[in-house]
Amino acid sequence: MLQEQRQAQTAWLAKYRDRYPADPDALDEDGEPLDLLAPPEIVAELEAETDRIREHYTAAYRAHRFQTALIPERGP
């Protein structure tokens, strides 16, 4: 999940890097931006994508937990 969210953030940064300045408080160790000073509607695009990824994995986890709860325990 985290890898997919990082990929979404990387794609978002690549898409908007030339239009909005980097957030000087959000740079990695190489000085590359981790965030941009973009308007709320642009930031909302990234948030929507990371939310979608999180919801996908949460639903899969809950479905797995539900399925395993339905499997009766076997005795020795």
PDB file of N, CA and C in Angstrom:
ATOM      1  N   MET A   1       0.826  -1.184   0.000  1.00  0.00           N
ATOM      2  CA  MET A   1       0.000   0.000   0.000  1.00  0.00           C
ATOM      3  C   MET A   1       0.876   1.257   0.000  1.00  0.00           C
ATOM      4  N   LEU A   2       1.852   1.286   0.897  1.00  0.00           N
ATOM      5  CA  LEU A   2       2.702   2.476   0.977  1.00  0.00           C
ATOM      6  C   LEU A   2       3.482   2.692  -0.314  1.00  0.00           C
ATOM      7  N   GLN A   3       3.908   1.604  -0.931  1.00  0.00           N
ATOM      8  CA  GLN A   3       4.636   1.731  -2.191  1.00  0.00           C
ATOM      9  C   GLN A   3       3.738   2.348  -3.261  1.00  0.00           C
ATOM     10  N   GLU A   4       2.493   1.907  -3.331  1.00  0.00           N
ATOM     11  CA  GLU A   4       1.563   2.475  -4.316  1.00  0.00           C
ATOM     12  C   GLU A   4       1.280   3.942  -4.021  1.00  0.00           C
ATOM     13  N   GLN A   5       1.170   4.292  -2.746  1.00  0.00           N
ATOM     14  CA  GLN A   5       0.944   5.689  -2.395  1.00  0.00           C
ATOM     15  C   GLN A   5       2.161   6.546  -2.753  1.00  0.00           C
ATOM     16  N   ARG A   6       3.362   6.010  -2.549  1.00  0.00           N
ATOM     17  CA  ARG A   6       4.572   6.745  -2.945  1.00  0.00           C
ATOM     18  C   ARG A   6       4.629   6.918  -4.460  1.00  0.00           C
ATOM     19  N   GLN A   7       4.225   5.882  -5.196  1.00  0.00           N
ATOM     20  CA  GLN A   7       4.202   5.979  -6.657  1.00  0.00           C
ATOM     21  C   GLN A   7       3.200   7.041  -7.106  1.00  0.00           C
ATOM     22  N   ALA A   8       2.054   7.099  -6.435  1.00  0.00           N
ATOM     23  CA  ALA A   8       1.053   8.120  -6.761  1.00  0.00           C
ATOM     24  C   ALA A   8       1.608   9.511  -6.478  1.00  0.00           C
ATOM     25  N   GLN A   9       2.319   9.657  -5.369  1.00  0.00           N
ATOM     26  CA  GLN A   9       2.910  10.952  -5.031  1.00  0.00           C
ATOM     27  C   GLN A   9       3.984  11.333  -6.048  1.00  0.00           C
ATOM     28  N   THR A  10       4.792  10.373  -6.455  1.00  0.00           N
ATOM     29  CA  THR A  10       5.834  10.636  -7.452  1.00  0.00           C
ATOM     30  C   THR A  10       5.215  11.075  -8.774  1.00  0.00           C
ATOM     31  N   ALA A  11       4.147  10.405  -9.183  1.00  0.00           N
ATOM     32  CA  ALA A  11       3.464  10.771 -10.432  1.00  0.00           C
ATOM     33  C   ALA A  11       2.856  12.166 -10.322  1.00  0.00           C
ATOM     34  N   TRP A  12       2.265  12.470  -9.170  1.00  0.00           N
ATOM     35  CA  TRP A  12       1.664  13.789  -8.942  1.00  0.00           C
ATOM     36  C   TRP A  12       2.736  14.872  -8.997  1.00  0.00           C
ATOM     37  N   LEU A  13       3.872  14.613  -8.340  1.00  0.00           N
ATOM     38  CA  LEU A  13       4.976  15.580  -8.370  1.00  0.00           C
ATOM     39  C   LEU A  13       5.464  15.803  -9.799  1.00  0.00           C
ATOM     40  N   ALA A  14       5.605  14.729 -10.558  1.00  0.00           N
ATOM     41  CA  ALA A  14       6.074  14.852 -11.943  1.00  0.00           C
ATOM     42  C   ALA A  14       5.083  15.650 -12.785  1.00  0.00           C
ATOM     43  N   LYS A  15       3.800  15.444 -12.528  1.00  0.00           N
ATOM     44  CA  LYS A  15       2.757  16.127 -13.300  1.00  0.00           C
ATOM     45  C   LYS A  15       2.754  17.635 -13.042  1.00  0.00           C
ATOM     46  N   TYR A  16       2.971  18.035 -11.793  1.00  0.00           N
ATOM     47  CA  TYR A  16       2.824  19.443 -11.423  1.00  0.00           C
ATOM     48  C   TYR A  16       4.131  20.162 -11.092  1.00  0.00           C
ATOM     49  N   ARG A  17       5.244  19.477 -11.140  1.00  0.00           N
ATOM     50  CA  ARG A  17       6.533  20.066 -10.751  1.00  0.00           C
ATOM     51  C   ARG A  17       6.853  21.352 -11.512  1.00  0.00           C
ATOM     52  N   ASP A  18       6.507  21.402 -12.792  1.00  0.00           N
ATOM     53  CA  ASP A  18       6.832  22.585 -13.598  1.00  0.00           C
ATOM     54  C   ASP A  18       5.848  23.735 -13.400  1.00  0.00           C
ATOM     55  N   ARG A  19       4.724  23.455 -12.750  1.00  0.00           N
ATOM     56  CA  ARG A  19       3.710  24.505 -12.580  1.00  0.00           C
ATOM     57  C   ARG A  19       3.713  25.157 -11.205  1.00  0.00           C
ATOM     58  N   TYR A  20       4.172  24.413 -10.190  1.00  0.00           N
ATOM     59  CA  TYR A  20       4.124  24.929  -8.819  1.00  0.00           C
ATOM     60  C   TYR A  20       5.488  24.746  -8.164  1.00  0.00           C
ATOM     61  N   PRO A  21       5.855  25.676  -7.287  1.00  0.00           N
ATOM     62  CA  PRO A  21       7.167  25.569  -6.632  1.00  0.00           C
ATOM     63  C   PRO A  21       7.188  24.462  -5.579  1.00  0.00           C
ATOM     64  N   ALA A  22       8.380  23.970  -5.325  1.00  0.00           N
ATOM     65  CA  ALA A  22       8.561  22.963  -4.281  1.00  0.00           C
ATOM     66  C   ALA A  22       8.339  23.595  -2.914  1.00  0.00           C
ATOM     67  N   ASP A  23       7.815  22.811  -2.003  1.00  0.00           N
ATOM     68  CA  ASP A  23       7.685  23.249  -0.619  1.00  0.00           C
ATOM     69  C   ASP A  23       9.078  23.154   0.007  1.00  0.00           C
ATOM     70  N   PRO A  24       9.671  24.277   0.405  1.00  0.00           N
ATOM     71  CA  PRO A  24      11.038  24.237   0.948  1.00  0.00           C
ATOM     72  C   PRO A  24      11.142  23.450   2.253  1.00  0.00           C
ATOM     73  N   ASP A  25      10.032  23.233   2.925  1.00  0.00           N
ATOM     74  CA  ASP A  25      10.036  22.465   4.172  1.00  0.00           C
ATOM     75  C   ASP A  25       9.840  20.975   3.932  1.00  0.00           C
ATOM     76  N   ALA A  26       9.710  20.561   2.670  1.00  0.00           N
ATOM     77  CA  ALA A  26       9.455  19.155   2.356  1.00  0.00           C
ATOM     78  C   ALA A  26      10.401  18.685   1.249  1.00  0.00           C
ATOM     79  N   LEU A  27      11.675  18.605   1.599  1.00  0.00           N
ATOM     80  CA  LEU A  27      12.688  18.138   0.656  1.00  0.00           C
ATOM     81  C   LEU A  27      13.320  16.860   1.201  1.00  0.00           C
ATOM     82  N   ASP A  28      13.667  15.941   0.291  1.00  0.00           N
ATOM     83  CA  ASP A  28      14.348  14.734   0.745  1.00  0.00           C
ATOM     84  C   ASP A  28      15.833  15.022   0.956  1.00  0.00           C
ATOM     85  N   GLU A  29      16.595  14.001   1.311  1.00  0.00           N
ATOM     86  CA  GLU A  29      18.017  14.202   1.622  1.00  0.00           C
ATOM     87  C   GLU A  29      18.833  14.684   0.425  1.00  0.00           C
ATOM     88  N   ASP A  30      18.316  14.471  -0.786  1.00  0.00           N
ATOM     89  CA  ASP A  30      19.003  14.942  -1.996  1.00  0.00           C
ATOM     90  C   ASP A  30      18.517  16.314  -2.455  1.00  0.00           C
ATOM     91  N   GLY A  31      17.602  16.906  -1.695  1.00  0.00           N
ATOM     92  CA  GLY A  31      17.069  18.210  -2.054  1.00  0.00           C
ATOM     93  C   GLY A  31      15.913  18.157  -3.035  1.00  0.00           C
ATOM     94  N   GLU A  32      15.423  16.935  -3.317  1.00  0.00           N
ATOM     95  CA  GLU A  32      14.278  16.784  -4.218  1.00  0.00           C
ATOM     96  C   GLU A  32      12.989  17.045  -3.444  1.00  0.00           C
ATOM     97  N   PRO A  33      12.014  17.695  -4.083  1.00  0.00           N
ATOM     98  CA  PRO A  33      10.770  18.007  -3.371  1.00  0.00           C
ATOM     99  C   PRO A  33       9.934  16.761  -3.082  1.00  0.00           C
ATOM    100  N   LEU A  34       9.343  16.753  -1.903  1.00  0.00           N
ATOM    101  CA  LEU A  34       8.384  15.723  -1.527  1.00  0.00           C
ATOM    102  C   LEU A  34       6.967  16.267  -1.591  1.00  0.00           C
ATOM    103  N   ASP A  35       6.864  17.587  -1.737  1.00  0.00           N
ATOM    104  CA  ASP A  35       5.565  18.245  -1.798  1.00  0.00           C
ATOM    105  C   ASP A  35       5.732  19.545  -2.578  1.00  0.00           C
ATOM    106  N   LEU A  36       4.605  20.051  -3.058  1.00  0.00           N
ATOM    107  CA  LEU A  36       4.606  21.301  -3.809  1.00  0.00           C
ATOM    108  C   LEU A  36       3.704  22.312  -3.119  1.00  0.00           C
ATOM    109  N   LEU A  37       3.953  23.582  -3.363  1.00  0.00           N
ATOM    110  CA  LEU A  37       3.073  24.642  -2.878  1.00  0.00           C
ATOM    111  C   LEU A  37       2.003  24.851  -3.950  1.00  0.00           C
ATOM    112  N   ALA A  38       1.033  23.960  -3.957  1.00  0.00           N
ATOM    113  CA  ALA A  38      -0.017  23.951  -4.973  1.00  0.00           C
ATOM    114  C   ALA A  38      -1.349  24.339  -4.342  1.00  0.00           C
ATOM    115  N   PRO A  39      -2.292  24.821  -5.159  1.00  0.00           N
ATOM    116  CA  PRO A  39      -3.607  25.176  -4.635  1.00  0.00           C
ATOM    117  C   PRO A  39      -4.340  23.939  -4.093  1.00  0.00           C
ATOM    118  N   PRO A  40      -5.290  24.167  -3.194  1.00  0.00           N
ATOM    119  CA  PRO A  40      -6.001  23.057  -2.560  1.00  0.00           C
ATOM    120  C   PRO A  40      -6.625  22.060  -3.543  1.00  0.00           C
ATOM    121  N   GLU A  41      -7.156  22.546  -4.655  1.00  0.00           N
ATOM    122  CA  GLU A  41      -7.797  21.616  -5.595  1.00  0.00           C
ATOM    123  C   GLU A  41      -6.781  20.693  -6.265  1.00  0.00           C
ATOM    124  N   ILE A  42      -5.549  21.143  -6.399  1.00  0.00           N
ATOM    125  CA  ILE A  42      -4.487  20.310  -6.973  1.00  0.00           C
ATOM    126  C   ILE A  42      -4.011  19.297  -5.931  1.00  0.00           C
ATOM    127  N   VAL A  43      -3.852  19.746  -4.701  1.00  0.00           N
ATOM    128  CA  VAL A  43      -3.470  18.848  -3.612  1.00  0.00           C
ATOM    129  C   VAL A  43      -4.555  17.793  -3.408  1.00  0.00           C
ATOM    130  N   ALA A  44      -5.811  18.177  -3.598  1.00  0.00           N
ATOM    131  CA  ALA A  44      -6.928  17.242  -3.437  1.00  0.00           C
ATOM    132  C   ALA A  44      -6.833  16.072  -4.409  1.00  0.00           C
ATOM    133  N   GLU A  45      -6.254  16.293  -5.588  1.00  0.00           N
ATOM    134  CA  GLU A  45      -6.059  15.189  -6.539  1.00  0.00           C
ATOM    135  C   GLU A  45      -5.186  14.097  -5.927  1.00  0.00           C
ATOM    136  N   LEU A  46      -4.079  14.502  -5.332  1.00  0.00           N
ATOM    137  CA  LEU A  46      -3.180  13.536  -4.701  1.00  0.00           C
ATOM    138  C   LEU A  46      -3.866  12.865  -3.518  1.00  0.00           C
ATOM    139  N   GLU A  47      -4.549  13.646  -2.707  1.00  0.00           N
ATOM    140  CA  GLU A  47      -5.236  13.083  -1.546  1.00  0.00           C
ATOM    141  C   GLU A  47      -6.297  12.077  -1.968  1.00  0.00           C
ATOM    142  N   ALA A  48      -7.023  12.369  -3.044  1.00  0.00           N
ATOM    143  CA  ALA A  48      -8.051  11.446  -3.531  1.00  0.00           C
ATOM    144  C   ALA A  48      -7.424  10.131  -3.988  1.00  0.00           C
ATOM    145  N   GLU A  49      -6.301  10.210  -4.659  1.00  0.00           N
ATOM    146  CA  GLU A  49      -5.636   8.995  -5.140  1.00  0.00           C
ATOM    147  C   GLU A  49      -5.079   8.172  -3.984  1.00  0.00           C
ATOM    148  N   THR A  50      -4.438   8.822  -3.013  1.00  0.00           N
ATOM    149  CA  THR A  50      -3.912   8.062  -1.877  1.00  0.00           C
ATOM    150  C   THR A  50      -5.048   7.512  -1.019  1.00  0.00           C
ATOM    151  N   ASP A  51      -6.159   8.237  -0.918  1.00  0.00           N
ATOM    152  CA  ASP A  51      -7.332   7.717  -0.212  1.00  0.00           C
ATOM    153  C   ASP A  51      -7.880   6.486  -0.920  1.00  0.00           C
ATOM    154  N   ARG A  52      -7.940   6.529  -2.255  1.00  0.00           N
ATOM    155  CA  ARG A  52      -8.451   5.395  -3.024  1.00  0.00           C
ATOM    156  C   ARG A  52      -7.581   4.159  -2.783  1.00  0.00           C
ATOM    157  N   ILE A  53      -6.284   4.342  -2.766  1.00  0.00           N
ATOM    158  CA  ILE A  53      -5.363   3.229  -2.528  1.00  0.00           C
ATOM    159  C   ILE A  53      -5.575   2.673  -1.124  1.00  0.00           C
ATOM    160  N   ARG A  54      -5.644   3.554  -0.136  1.00  0.00           N
ATOM    161  CA  ARG A  54      -5.848   3.116   1.249  1.00  0.00           C
ATOM    162  C   ARG A  54      -7.168   2.373   1.399  1.00  0.00           C
ATOM    163  N   GLU A  55      -8.233   2.893   0.802  1.00  0.00           N
ATOM    164  CA  GLU A  55      -9.542   2.246   0.899  1.00  0.00           C
ATOM    165  C   GLU A  55      -9.532   0.872   0.245  1.00  0.00           C
ATOM    166  N   HIS A  56      -8.817   0.733  -0.865  1.00  0.00           N
ATOM    167  CA  HIS A  56      -8.709  -0.564  -1.540  1.00  0.00           C
ATOM    168  C   HIS A  56      -8.075  -1.599  -0.609  1.00  0.00           C
ATOM    169  N   TYR A  57      -6.959  -1.236   0.004  1.00  0.00           N
ATOM    170  CA  TYR A  57      -6.267  -2.171   0.880  1.00  0.00           C
ATOM    171  C   TYR A  57      -7.044  -2.425   2.171  1.00  0.00           C
ATOM    172  N   THR A  58      -7.719  -1.424   2.681  1.00  0.00           N
ATOM    173  CA  THR A  58      -8.534  -1.607   3.879  1.00  0.00           C
ATOM    174  C   THR A  58      -9.676  -2.567   3.597  1.00  0.00           C
ATOM    175  N   ALA A  59     -10.326  -2.415   2.457  1.00  0.00           N
ATOM    176  CA  ALA A  59     -11.423  -3.316   2.084  1.00  0.00           C
ATOM    177  C   ALA A  59     -10.911  -4.744   1.916  1.00  0.00           C
ATOM    178  N   ALA A  60      -9.760  -4.902   1.301  1.00  0.00           N
ATOM    179  CA  ALA A  60      -9.193  -6.240   1.122  1.00  0.00           C
ATOM    180  C   ALA A  60      -8.859  -6.868   2.474  1.00  0.00           C
ATOM    181  N   TYR A  61      -8.318  -6.083   3.384  1.00  0.00           N
ATOM    182  CA  TYR A  61      -7.995  -6.582   4.716  1.00  0.00           C
ATOM    183  C   TYR A  61      -9.264  -7.004   5.454  1.00  0.00           C
ATOM    184  N   ARG A  62     -10.277  -6.162   5.398  1.00  0.00           N
ATOM    185  CA  ARG A  62     -11.535  -6.490   6.082  1.00  0.00           C
ATOM    186  C   ARG A  62     -12.185  -7.730   5.481  1.00  0.00           C
ATOM    187  N   ALA A  63     -12.137  -7.862   4.167  1.00  0.00           N
ATOM    188  CA  ALA A  63     -12.712  -9.045   3.520  1.00  0.00           C
ATOM    189  C   ALA A  63     -11.959 -10.295   3.967  1.00  0.00           C
ATOM    190  N   HIS A  64     -10.655 -10.207   4.056  1.00  0.00           N
ATOM    191  CA  HIS A  64      -9.855 -11.344   4.504  1.00  0.00           C
ATOM    192  C   HIS A  64     -10.195 -11.692   5.948  1.00  0.00           C
ATOM    193  N   ARG A  65     -10.281 -10.684   6.799  1.00  0.00           N
ATOM    194  CA  ARG A  65     -10.621 -10.926   8.212  1.00  0.00           C
ATOM    195  C   ARG A  65     -12.002 -11.547   8.336  1.00  0.00           C
ATOM    196  N   PHE A  66     -12.951 -11.085   7.528  1.00  0.00           N
ATOM    197  CA  PHE A  66     -14.302 -11.629   7.562  1.00  0.00           C
ATOM    198  C   PHE A  66     -14.284 -13.088   7.122  1.00  0.00           C
ATOM    199  N   GLN A  67     -13.565 -13.379   6.047  1.00  0.00           N
ATOM    200  CA  GLN A  67     -13.499 -14.748   5.546  1.00  0.00           C
ATOM    201  C   GLN A  67     -12.836 -15.677   6.553  1.00  0.00           C
ATOM    202  N   THR A  68     -11.772 -15.252   7.188  1.00  0.00           N
ATOM    203  CA  THR A  68     -11.099 -16.123   8.148  1.00  0.00           C
ATOM    204  C   THR A  68     -11.926 -16.285   9.414  1.00  0.00           C
ATOM    205  N   ALA A  69     -12.769 -15.329   9.728  1.00  0.00           N
ATOM    206  CA  ALA A  69     -13.640 -15.455  10.896  1.00  0.00           C
ATOM    207  C   ALA A  69     -14.720 -16.501  10.651  1.00  0.00           C
ATOM    208  N   LEU A  70     -15.067 -16.739   9.402  1.00  0.00           N
ATOM    209  CA  LEU A  70     -16.100 -17.717   9.063  1.00  0.00           C
ATOM    210  C   LEU A  70     -15.573 -19.146   9.021  1.00  0.00           C
ATOM    211  N   ILE A  71     -14.269 -19.317   8.985  1.00  0.00           N
ATOM    212  CA  ILE A  71     -13.681 -20.655   8.933  1.00  0.00           C
ATOM    213  C   ILE A  71     -13.653 -21.212  10.351  1.00  0.00           C
ATOM    214  N   PRO A  72     -14.349 -22.324  10.572  1.00  0.00           N
ATOM    215  CA  PRO A  72     -14.360 -22.875  11.933  1.00  0.00           C
ATOM    216  C   PRO A  72     -12.976 -23.400  12.317  1.00  0.00           C
ATOM    217  N   GLU A  73     -12.682 -23.270  13.592  1.00  0.00           N
ATOM    218  CA  GLU A  73     -11.403 -23.782  14.075  1.00  0.00           C
ATOM    219  C   GLU A  73     -11.461 -25.295  14.118  1.00  0.00           C
ATOM    220  N   ARG A  74     -10.341 -25.914  13.815  1.00  0.00           N
ATOM    221  CA  ARG A  74     -10.260 -27.372  13.848  1.00  0.00           C
ATOM    222  C   ARG A  74      -9.574 -27.795  15.137  1.00  0.00           C
ATOM    223  N   GLY A  75     -10.060 -28.849  15.667  1.00  0.00           N
ATOM    224  CA  GLY A  75      -9.451 -29.390  16.884  1.00  0.00           C
ATOM    225  C   GLY A  75      -8.166 -30.133  16.572  1.00  0.00           C
ATOM    226  N   PRO A  76      -7.454 -30.557  17.640  1.00  0.00           N
ATOM    227  CA  PRO A  76      -6.176 -31.265  17.431  1.00  0.00           C
ATOM    228  C   PRO A  76      -6.345 -32.619  16.787  1.00  0.00           C
TER     229      PRO A  76
END
